[in-house]
C-alpha cells in the first residue's frame, strides 16, 4: 500500500446524491458524486479502498479496478447514448454492425450485386459509427483488462469448465450456436440489448421495454438450464 494511502470504508454513492453538497470546497457537488462512485469502484479490487492523504481517490485506482462501479459505468453508457443522438443522429446499437460485416464479406464474393439486396438497401454494408462501436468495445475491454492485470487468453472459462469439462471444441460450438441465435433474435426483434435495452428504453419505447424484459427473462432461463439453479 502506498505510504500516502490508508484503507477506509466505501463512501456511499447515494449519500453524495442526498447531500448534494460537496465536502470539497474546491469542487462542485456533481464532482463529489462521481468521486464517490469511483470510491465504490475501487472496492472491487479487493478488501481495501485507498485514498490519498487529502481524501481523493486516485484516477488510476478507478481505471485499474477489476470491476468498475456499476453507477459510473451506467452513467458513461448513458452519456455515450446521448452523444450518439446529438452527434450522429442515430441510436446507439451494436448488432447491426455484424449484419454490415456480413454484407462487406459478401461483397468480396458477389461484388456490387450485394447492394441490390433489399436488406442492404436499408442497412448499407459499410463501416460507420455502429461498426466502430463494436471495435471500441473490443479495444476498451482489452485496455481495461490490461490495466487491471487480469488479461489472460483462456480457451475455456472456469465456470464453463466446472459444468461441461475442458473440451474447447464443445465450448466453441456452444459459443457459435449462441452467437447465431443471438444475432437472429436481434435482427428479428429489430435491435439487441444496446439498441432496445439502452437506446430504446431511454426514449421510453414500449417495444423496447418489452424487448428488454424478454432479454432478461431469456438470459436468466438459459443460464439456469445450462448451469442449474443457484444453490441447487
Foldseek 3Di string as FASTA:
>chain_A
DDPQKDFDDQDDLVVLVVVQADPDPVDGSVVVSVQSQLQVQLCQQDNGGIDGNVRGHDPLSQLQRPGHRPVNVVVVLLVVQVCCCVPVVDGAAALLLVVLCVLVVVCVVVNPVSCVPPVCVVVPNDDDDNNVVVVVVVVSVVSSCVSNVNDDDDLADPLLCVQPNRDSVVVVVVVVVVVVVQSVVQVVLVGHCRVLVPRVVVVVNPSSVVVNVVVVVVVVVVCCVRRNDPPD
